Amino acid sequence: MNELAQMKAMGLALPSPAYLFGALVFGLIGLWAFRHGRRTEQPRTLWLGVALMVYPYAVSGTALLYAIGAALCVGLYLVRN
């Protein structure tokens, strides 16, 4: 218990379940987009998939995670249609 308090004092905290769920969902969508883009030779779809898989590592806020993920998914939708 003391170690958890020390980690919080250093500014380190465990992510919320909502954050973990969002990172998992957007990562899976990104994996699908990456594989689809590589198979059909569509570079925009491929790179949007890479972005969806990688950006959760750079974002710490849950609301920002969902906002960026939704924007990338809209971009993926627009590229496909």
PDB file of N, CA and C in Angstrom:
ATOM      1  N   MET A   1       0.831  -1.196   0.000  1.00  0.00           N
ATOM      2  CA  MET A   1       0.000   0.000   0.000  1.00  0.00           C
ATOM      3  C   MET A   1       0.868   1.249   0.000  1.00  0.00           C
ATOM      4  N   ASN A   2       1.974   1.200   0.705  1.00  0.00           N
ATOM      5  CA  ASN A   2       2.864   2.345   0.767  1.00  0.00           C
ATOM      6  C   ASN A   2       3.482   2.620  -0.603  1.00  0.00           C
ATOM      7  N   GLU A   3       3.751   1.571  -1.371  1.00  0.00           N
ATOM      8  CA  GLU A   3       4.335   1.746  -2.699  1.00  0.00           C
ATOM      9  C   GLU A   3       3.367   2.470  -3.642  1.00  0.00           C
ATOM     10  N   LEU A   4       2.072   2.162  -3.517  1.00  0.00           N
ATOM     11  CA  LEU A   4       1.076   2.836  -4.342  1.00  0.00           C
ATOM     12  C   LEU A   4       1.012   4.318  -4.011  1.00  0.00           C
ATOM     13  N   ALA A   5       1.095   4.662  -2.750  1.00  0.00           N
ATOM     14  CA  ALA A   5       1.097   6.072  -2.349  1.00  0.00           C
ATOM     15  C   ALA A   5       2.337   6.787  -2.867  1.00  0.00           C
ATOM     16  N   GLN A   6       3.476   6.095  -2.857  1.00  0.00           N
ATOM     17  CA  GLN A   6       4.704   6.692  -3.375  1.00  0.00           C
ATOM     18  C   GLN A   6       4.597   6.929  -4.882  1.00  0.00           C
ATOM     19  N   MET A   7       3.986   5.988  -5.594  1.00  0.00           N
ATOM     20  CA  MET A   7       3.818   6.154  -7.034  1.00  0.00           C
ATOM     21  C   MET A   7       2.904   7.334  -7.347  1.00  0.00           C
ATOM     22  N   LYS A   8       1.828   7.482  -6.576  1.00  0.00           N
ATOM     23  CA  LYS A   8       0.925   8.621  -6.785  1.00  0.00           C
ATOM     24  C   LYS A   8       1.625   9.929  -6.482  1.00  0.00           C
ATOM     25  N   ALA A   9       2.497   9.945  -5.481  1.00  0.00           N
ATOM     26  CA  ALA A   9       3.243  11.151  -5.139  1.00  0.00           C
ATOM     27  C   ALA A   9       4.209  11.534  -6.265  1.00  0.00           C
ATOM     28  N   MET A  10       4.706  10.553  -6.998  1.00  0.00           N
ATOM     29  CA  MET A  10       5.614  10.826  -8.119  1.00  0.00           C
ATOM     30  C   MET A  10       4.865  11.209  -9.379  1.00  0.00           C
ATOM     31  N   GLY A  11       3.528  11.146  -9.349  1.00  0.00           N
ATOM     32  CA  GLY A  11       2.741  11.519 -10.509  1.00  0.00           C
ATOM     33  C   GLY A  11       2.361  10.342 -11.385  1.00  0.00           C
ATOM     34  N   LEU A  12       2.626   9.135 -10.931  1.00  0.00           N
ATOM     35  CA  LEU A  12       2.281   7.939 -11.690  1.00  0.00           C
ATOM     36  C   LEU A  12       0.973   7.374 -11.150  1.00  0.00           C
ATOM     37  N   ALA A  13       0.067   7.054 -12.054  1.00  0.00           N
ATOM     38  CA  ALA A  13      -1.220   6.496 -11.642  1.00  0.00           C
ATOM     39  C   ALA A  13      -1.634   5.426 -12.635  1.00  0.00           C
ATOM     40  N   LEU A  14      -2.408   4.479 -12.163  1.00  0.00           N
ATOM     41  CA  LEU A  14      -2.919   3.438 -13.041  1.00  0.00           C
ATOM     42  C   LEU A  14      -4.029   4.005 -13.903  1.00  0.00           C
ATOM     43  N   PRO A  15      -4.132   3.573 -15.165  1.00  0.00           N
ATOM     44  CA  PRO A  15      -5.210   4.073 -16.024  1.00  0.00           C
ATOM     45  C   PRO A  15      -6.561   3.524 -15.582  1.00  0.00           C
ATOM     46  N   SER A  16      -7.598   4.271 -15.899  1.00  0.00           N
ATOM     47  CA  SER A  16      -8.949   3.857 -15.536  1.00  0.00           C
ATOM     48  C   SER A  16      -9.409   2.727 -16.457  1.00  0.00           C
ATOM     49  N   PRO A  17     -10.423   1.980 -16.040  1.00  0.00           N
ATOM     50  CA  PRO A  17     -10.952   0.928 -16.917  1.00  0.00           C
ATOM     51  C   PRO A  17     -11.490   1.479 -18.241  1.00  0.00           C
ATOM     52  N   ALA A  18     -12.049   2.677 -18.227  1.00  0.00           N
ATOM     53  CA  ALA A  18     -12.542   3.293 -19.466  1.00  0.00           C
ATOM     54  C   ALA A  18     -11.390   3.564 -20.431  1.00  0.00           C
ATOM     55  N   TYR A  19     -10.256   3.987 -19.897  1.00  0.00           N
ATOM     56  CA  TYR A  19      -9.085   4.228 -20.733  1.00  0.00           C
ATOM     57  C   TYR A  19      -8.581   2.923 -21.341  1.00  0.00           C
ATOM     58  N   LEU A  20      -8.491   1.889 -20.518  1.00  0.00           N
ATOM     59  CA  LEU A  20      -8.024   0.592 -21.009  1.00  0.00           C
ATOM     60  C   LEU A  20      -8.958   0.029 -22.077  1.00  0.00           C
ATOM     61  N   PHE A  21     -10.256   0.163 -21.875  1.00  0.00           N
ATOM     62  CA  PHE A  21     -11.228  -0.306 -22.849  1.00  0.00           C
ATOM     63  C   PHE A  21     -11.086   0.452 -24.170  1.00  0.00           C
ATOM     64  N   GLY A  22     -10.968   1.783 -24.085  1.00  0.00           N
ATOM     65  CA  GLY A  22     -10.808   2.594 -25.293  1.00  0.00           C
ATOM     66  C   GLY A  22      -9.530   2.270 -26.036  1.00  0.00           C
ATOM     67  N   ALA A  23      -8.429   2.095 -25.309  1.00  0.00           N
ATOM     68  CA  ALA A  23      -7.156   1.753 -25.950  1.00  0.00           C
ATOM     69  C   ALA A  23      -7.260   0.401 -26.649  1.00  0.00           C
ATOM     70  N   LEU A  24      -7.941  -0.543 -26.035  1.00  0.00           N
ATOM     71  CA  LEU A  24      -8.110  -1.864 -26.638  1.00  0.00           C
ATOM     72  C   LEU A  24      -8.978  -1.794 -27.891  1.00  0.00           C
ATOM     73  N   VAL A  25     -10.101  -1.096 -27.802  1.00  0.00           N
ATOM     74  CA  VAL A  25     -11.012  -1.002 -28.950  1.00  0.00           C
ATOM     75  C   VAL A  25     -10.346  -0.286 -30.121  1.00  0.00           C
ATOM     76  N   PHE A  26      -9.738   0.856 -29.870  1.00  0.00           N
ATOM     77  CA  PHE A  26      -9.104   1.597 -30.961  1.00  0.00           C
ATOM     78  C   PHE A  26      -7.880   0.856 -31.497  1.00  0.00           C
ATOM     79  N   GLY A  27      -7.182   0.122 -30.652  1.00  0.00           N
ATOM     80  CA  GLY A  27      -6.068  -0.693 -31.118  1.00  0.00           C
ATOM     81  C   GLY A  27      -6.527  -1.806 -32.044  1.00  0.00           C
ATOM     82  N   LEU A  28      -7.650  -2.441 -31.709  1.00  0.00           N
ATOM     83  CA  LEU A  28      -8.180  -3.497 -32.569  1.00  0.00           C
ATOM     84  C   LEU A  28      -8.685  -2.943 -33.905  1.00  0.00           C
ATOM     85  N   ILE A  29      -9.332  -1.785 -33.863  1.00  0.00           N
ATOM     86  CA  ILE A  29      -9.761  -1.141 -35.114  1.00  0.00           C
ATOM     87  C   ILE A  29      -8.537  -0.780 -35.953  1.00  0.00           C
ATOM     88  N   GLY A  30      -7.492  -0.288 -35.297  1.00  0.00           N
ATOM     89  CA  GLY A  30      -6.261   0.045 -36.006  1.00  0.00           C
ATOM     90  C   GLY A  30      -5.593  -1.170 -36.619  1.00  0.00           C
ATOM     91  N   LEU A  31      -5.608  -2.290 -35.899  1.00  0.00           N
ATOM     92  CA  LEU A  31      -5.040  -3.524 -36.440  1.00  0.00           C
ATOM     93  C   LEU A  31      -5.803  -3.973 -37.675  1.00  0.00           C
ATOM     94  N   TRP A  32      -7.131  -3.908 -37.611  1.00  0.00           N
ATOM     95  CA  TRP A  32      -7.939  -4.263 -38.773  1.00  0.00           C
ATOM     96  C   TRP A  32      -7.635  -3.338 -39.959  1.00  0.00           C
ATOM     97  N   ALA A  33      -7.562  -2.021 -39.687  1.00  0.00           N
ATOM     98  CA  ALA A  33      -7.301  -1.057 -40.762  1.00  0.00           C
ATOM     99  C   ALA A  33      -5.911  -1.270 -41.355  1.00  0.00           C
ATOM    100  N   PHE A  34      -4.938  -1.544 -40.520  1.00  0.00           N
ATOM    101  CA  PHE A  34      -3.580  -1.793 -41.004  1.00  0.00           C
ATOM    102  C   PHE A  34      -3.546  -3.015 -41.913  1.00  0.00           C
ATOM    103  N   ARG A  35      -4.151  -4.100 -41.464  1.00  0.00           N
ATOM    104  CA  ARG A  35      -4.151  -5.326 -42.274  1.00  0.00           C
ATOM    105  C   ARG A  35      -4.933  -5.136 -43.570  1.00  0.00           C
ATOM    106  N   HIS A  36      -6.061  -4.436 -43.497  1.00  0.00           N
ATOM    107  CA  HIS A  36      -6.859  -4.187 -44.699  1.00  0.00           C
ATOM    108  C   HIS A  36      -6.100  -3.283 -45.676  1.00  0.00           C
ATOM    109  N   GLY A  37      -5.465  -2.245 -45.156  1.00  0.00           N
ATOM    110  CA  GLY A  37      -4.702  -1.345 -46.018  1.00  0.00           C
ATOM    111  C   GLY A  37      -3.520  -2.017 -46.675  1.00  0.00           C
ATOM    112  N   ARG A  38      -2.869  -2.922 -45.949  1.00  0.00           N
ATOM    113  CA  ARG A  38      -1.742  -3.644 -46.521  1.00  0.00           C
ATOM    114  C   ARG A  38      -2.216  -4.641 -47.579  1.00  0.00           C
ATOM    115  N   ARG A  39      -3.325  -5.323 -47.317  1.00  0.00           N
ATOM    116  CA  ARG A  39      -3.842  -6.322 -48.243  1.00  0.00           C
ATOM    117  C   ARG A  39      -4.336  -5.679 -49.538  1.00  0.00           C
ATOM    118  N   THR A  40      -5.014  -4.527 -49.430  1.00  0.00           N
ATOM    119  CA  THR A  40      -5.585  -3.875 -50.609  1.00  0.00           C
ATOM    120  C   THR A  40      -4.678  -2.792 -51.189  1.00  0.00           C
ATOM    121  N   GLU A  41      -3.501  -2.634 -50.610  1.00  0.00           N
ATOM    122  CA  GLU A  41      -2.510  -1.644 -51.061  1.00  0.00           C
ATOM    123  C   GLU A  41      -3.068  -0.229 -51.049  1.00  0.00           C
ATOM    124  N   GLN A  42      -3.704   0.135 -49.938  1.00  0.00           N
ATOM    125  CA  GLN A  42      -4.216   1.490 -49.724  1.00  0.00           C
ATOM    126  C   GLN A  42      -3.376   2.136 -48.617  1.00  0.00           C
ATOM    127  N   PRO A  43      -2.427   3.005 -48.973  1.00  0.00           N
ATOM    128  CA  PRO A  43      -1.525   3.552 -47.957  1.00  0.00           C
ATOM    129  C   PRO A  43      -2.219   4.430 -46.904  1.00  0.00           C
ATOM    130  N   ARG A  44      -3.261   5.146 -47.271  1.00  0.00           N
ATOM    131  CA  ARG A  44      -3.948   5.986 -46.273  1.00  0.00           C
ATOM    132  C   ARG A  44      -4.595   5.138 -45.199  1.00  0.00           C
ATOM    133  N   THR A  45      -5.244   4.057 -45.604  1.00  0.00           N
ATOM    134  CA  THR A  45      -5.875   3.159 -44.642  1.00  0.00           C
ATOM    135  C   THR A  45      -4.810   2.516 -43.763  1.00  0.00           C
ATOM    136  N   LEU A  46      -3.708   2.121 -44.367  1.00  0.00           N
ATOM    137  CA  LEU A  46      -2.611   1.506 -43.619  1.00  0.00           C
ATOM    138  C   LEU A  46      -2.081   2.451 -42.555  1.00  0.00           C
ATOM    139  N   TRP A  47      -1.816   3.698 -42.915  1.00  0.00           N
ATOM    140  CA  TRP A  47      -1.229   4.642 -41.954  1.00  0.00           C
ATOM    141  C   TRP A  47      -2.236   5.110 -40.909  1.00  0.00           C
ATOM    142  N   LEU A  48      -3.505   5.181 -41.270  1.00  0.00           N
ATOM    143  CA  LEU A  48      -4.512   5.475 -40.246  1.00  0.00           C
ATOM    144  C   LEU A  48      -4.593   4.326 -39.246  1.00  0.00           C
ATOM    145  N   GLY A  49      -4.441   3.108 -39.717  1.00  0.00           N
ATOM    146  CA  GLY A  49      -4.404   1.961 -38.817  1.00  0.00           C
ATOM    147  C   GLY A  49      -3.213   2.020 -37.876  1.00  0.00           C
ATOM    148  N   VAL A  50      -2.058   2.380 -38.395  1.00  0.00           N
ATOM    149  CA  VAL A  50      -0.867   2.527 -37.547  1.00  0.00           C
ATOM    150  C   VAL A  50      -1.106   3.611 -36.500  1.00  0.00           C
ATOM    151  N   ALA A  51      -1.683   4.728 -36.918  1.00  0.00           N
ATOM    152  CA  ALA A  51      -1.957   5.821 -35.983  1.00  0.00           C
ATOM    153  C   ALA A  51      -2.923   5.376 -34.885  1.00  0.00           C
ATOM    154  N   LEU A  52      -3.951   4.619 -35.256  1.00  0.00           N
ATOM    155  CA  LEU A  52      -4.908   4.131 -34.258  1.00  0.00           C
ATOM    156  C   LEU A  52      -4.259   3.168 -33.272  1.00  0.00           C
ATOM    157  N   MET A  53      -3.296   2.413 -33.709  1.00  0.00           N
ATOM    158  CA  MET A  53      -2.631   1.479 -32.800  1.00  0.00           C
ATOM    159  C   MET A  53      -1.619   2.165 -31.892  1.00  0.00           C
ATOM    160  N   VAL A  54      -0.996   3.246 -32.352  1.00  0.00           N
ATOM    161  CA  VAL A  54       0.130   3.843 -31.623  1.00  0.00           C
ATOM    162  C   VAL A  54      -0.268   5.003 -30.707  1.00  0.00           C
ATOM    163  N   TYR A  55      -1.272   5.792 -31.086  1.00  0.00           N
ATOM    164  CA  TYR A  55      -1.537   7.020 -30.338  1.00  0.00           C
ATOM    165  C   TYR A  55      -1.923   6.813 -28.871  1.00  0.00           C
ATOM    166  N   PRO A  56      -2.535   5.705 -28.452  1.00  0.00           N
ATOM    167  CA  PRO A  56      -2.834   5.568 -27.014  1.00  0.00           C
ATOM    168  C   PRO A  56      -1.592   5.607 -26.121  1.00  0.00           C
ATOM    169  N   TYR A  57      -0.431   5.300 -26.664  1.00  0.00           N
ATOM    170  CA  TYR A  57       0.799   5.359 -25.876  1.00  0.00           C
ATOM    171  C   TYR A  57       1.226   6.805 -25.600  1.00  0.00           C
ATOM    172  N   ALA A  58       0.762   7.753 -26.398  1.00  0.00           N
ATOM    173  CA  ALA A  58       1.162   9.147 -26.248  1.00  0.00           C
ATOM    174  C   ALA A  58       0.121   9.998 -25.528  1.00  0.00           C
ATOM    175  N   VAL A  59      -1.079   9.473 -25.329  1.00  0.00           N
ATOM    176  CA  VAL A  59      -2.173  10.233 -24.741  1.00  0.00           C
ATOM    177  C   VAL A  59      -2.456   9.691 -23.339  1.00  0.00           C
ATOM    178  N   SER A  60      -2.593  10.590 -22.367  1.00  0.00           N
ATOM    179  CA  SER A  60      -2.820  10.123 -21.001  1.00  0.00           C
ATOM    180  C   SER A  60      -4.251  10.337 -20.517  1.00  0.00           C
ATOM    181  N   GLY A  61      -4.985  11.239 -21.117  1.00  0.00           N
ATOM    182  CA  GLY A  61      -6.350  11.516 -20.672  1.00  0.00           C
ATOM    183  C   GLY A  61      -7.377  10.664 -21.391  1.00  0.00           C
ATOM    184  N   THR A  62      -8.383  10.211 -20.644  1.00  0.00           N
ATOM    185  CA  THR A  62      -9.403   9.346 -21.230  1.00  0.00           C
ATOM    186  C   THR A  62     -10.245  10.085 -22.263  1.00  0.00           C
ATOM    187  N   ALA A  63     -10.646  11.309 -21.952  1.00  0.00           N
ATOM    188  CA  ALA A  63     -11.468  12.080 -22.895  1.00  0.00           C
ATOM    189  C   ALA A  63     -10.698  12.359 -24.183  1.00  0.00           C
ATOM    190  N   LEU A  64      -9.423  12.680 -24.039  1.00  0.00           N
ATOM    191  CA  LEU A  64      -8.590  12.937 -25.220  1.00  0.00           C
ATOM    192  C   LEU A  64      -8.387  11.655 -26.028  1.00  0.00           C
ATOM    193  N   LEU A  65      -8.257  10.533 -25.362  1.00  0.00           N
ATOM    194  CA  LEU A  65      -8.136   9.244 -26.042  1.00  0.00           C
ATOM    195  C   LEU A  65      -9.344   8.983 -26.928  1.00  0.00           C
ATOM    196  N   TYR A  66     -10.541   9.193 -26.375  1.00  0.00           N
ATOM    197  CA  TYR A  66     -11.758   8.948 -27.147  1.00  0.00           C
ATOM    198  C   TYR A  66     -11.937   9.993 -28.253  1.00  0.00           C
ATOM    199  N   ALA A  67     -11.563  11.236 -28.016  1.00  0.00           N
ATOM    200  CA  ALA A  67     -11.708  12.275 -29.041  1.00  0.00           C
ATOM    201  C   ALA A  67     -10.797  11.997 -30.241  1.00  0.00           C
ATOM    202  N   ILE A  68      -9.541  11.689 -29.970  1.00  0.00           N
ATOM    203  CA  ILE A  68      -8.607  11.414 -31.060  1.00  0.00           C
ATOM    204  C   ILE A  68      -8.991  10.120 -31.773  1.00  0.00           C
ATOM    205  N   GLY A  69      -9.382   9.110 -31.010  1.00  0.00           N
ATOM    206  CA  GLY A  69      -9.792   7.846 -31.608  1.00  0.00           C
ATOM    207  C   GLY A  69     -11.003   8.009 -32.505  1.00  0.00           C
ATOM    208  N   ALA A  70     -11.966   8.781 -32.066  1.00  0.00           N
ATOM    209  CA  ALA A  70     -13.155   9.021 -32.887  1.00  0.00           C
ATOM    210  C   ALA A  70     -12.786   9.785 -34.159  1.00  0.00           C
ATOM    211  N   ALA A  71     -11.904  10.778 -34.039  1.00  0.00           N
ATOM    212  CA  ALA A  71     -11.482  11.544 -35.218  1.00  0.00           C
ATOM    213  C   ALA A  71     -10.744  10.654 -36.221  1.00  0.00           C
ATOM    214  N   LEU A  72      -9.880   9.778 -35.720  1.00  0.00           N
ATOM    215  CA  LEU A  72      -9.172   8.876 -36.628  1.00  0.00           C
ATOM    216  C   LEU A  72     -10.120   7.871 -37.273  1.00  0.00           C
ATOM    217  N   CYS A  73     -11.119   7.421 -36.531  1.00  0.00           N
ATOM    218  CA  CYS A  73     -12.100   6.495 -37.106  1.00  0.00           C
ATOM    219  C   CYS A  73     -12.946   7.190 -38.164  1.00  0.00           C
ATOM    220  N   VAL A  74     -13.292   8.447 -37.945  1.00  0.00           N
ATOM    221  CA  VAL A  74     -14.029   9.204 -38.966  1.00  0.00           C
ATOM    222  C   VAL A  74     -13.156   9.362 -40.203  1.00  0.00           C
ATOM    223  N   GLY A  75     -11.871   9.645 -40.012  1.00  0.00           N
ATOM    224  CA  GLY A  75     -10.962   9.728 -41.140  1.00  0.00           C
ATOM    225  C   GLY A  75     -10.870   8.409 -41.886  1.00  0.00           C
ATOM    226  N   LEU A  76     -10.854   7.323 -41.154  1.00  0.00           N
ATOM    227  CA  LEU A  76     -10.831   5.997 -41.770  1.00  0.00           C
ATOM    228  C   LEU A  76     -12.112   5.751 -42.571  1.00  0.00           C
ATOM    229  N   TYR A  77     -13.230   6.169 -42.026  1.00  0.00           N
ATOM    230  CA  TYR A  77     -14.512   6.016 -42.724  1.00  0.00           C
ATOM    231  C   TYR A  77     -14.524   6.848 -44.010  1.00  0.00           C
ATOM    232  N   LEU A  78     -14.016   8.071 -43.938  1.00  0.00           N
ATOM    233  CA  LEU A  78     -14.011   8.944 -45.117  1.00  0.00           C
ATOM    234  C   LEU A  78     -13.064   8.435 -46.202  1.00  0.00           C
ATOM    235  N   VAL A  79     -11.958   7.829 -45.811  1.00  0.00           N
ATOM    236  CA  VAL A  79     -11.010   7.295 -46.776  1.00  0.00           C
ATOM    237  C   VAL A  79     -11.604   6.080 -47.478  1.00  0.00           C
ATOM    238  N   ARG A  80     -12.333   5.278 -46.744  1.00  0.00           N
ATOM    239  CA  ARG A  80     -12.902   4.060 -47.328  1.00  0.00           C
ATOM    240  C   ARG A  80     -14.059   4.368 -48.276  1.00  0.00           C
ATOM    241  N   ASN A  81     -14.760   5.462 -48.093  1.00  0.00           N
ATOM    242  CA  ASN A  81     -15.924   5.772 -48.950  1.00  0.00           C
ATOM    243  C   ASN A  81     -15.629   6.851 -49.935  1.00  0.00           C
TER     244      ASN A  81
END
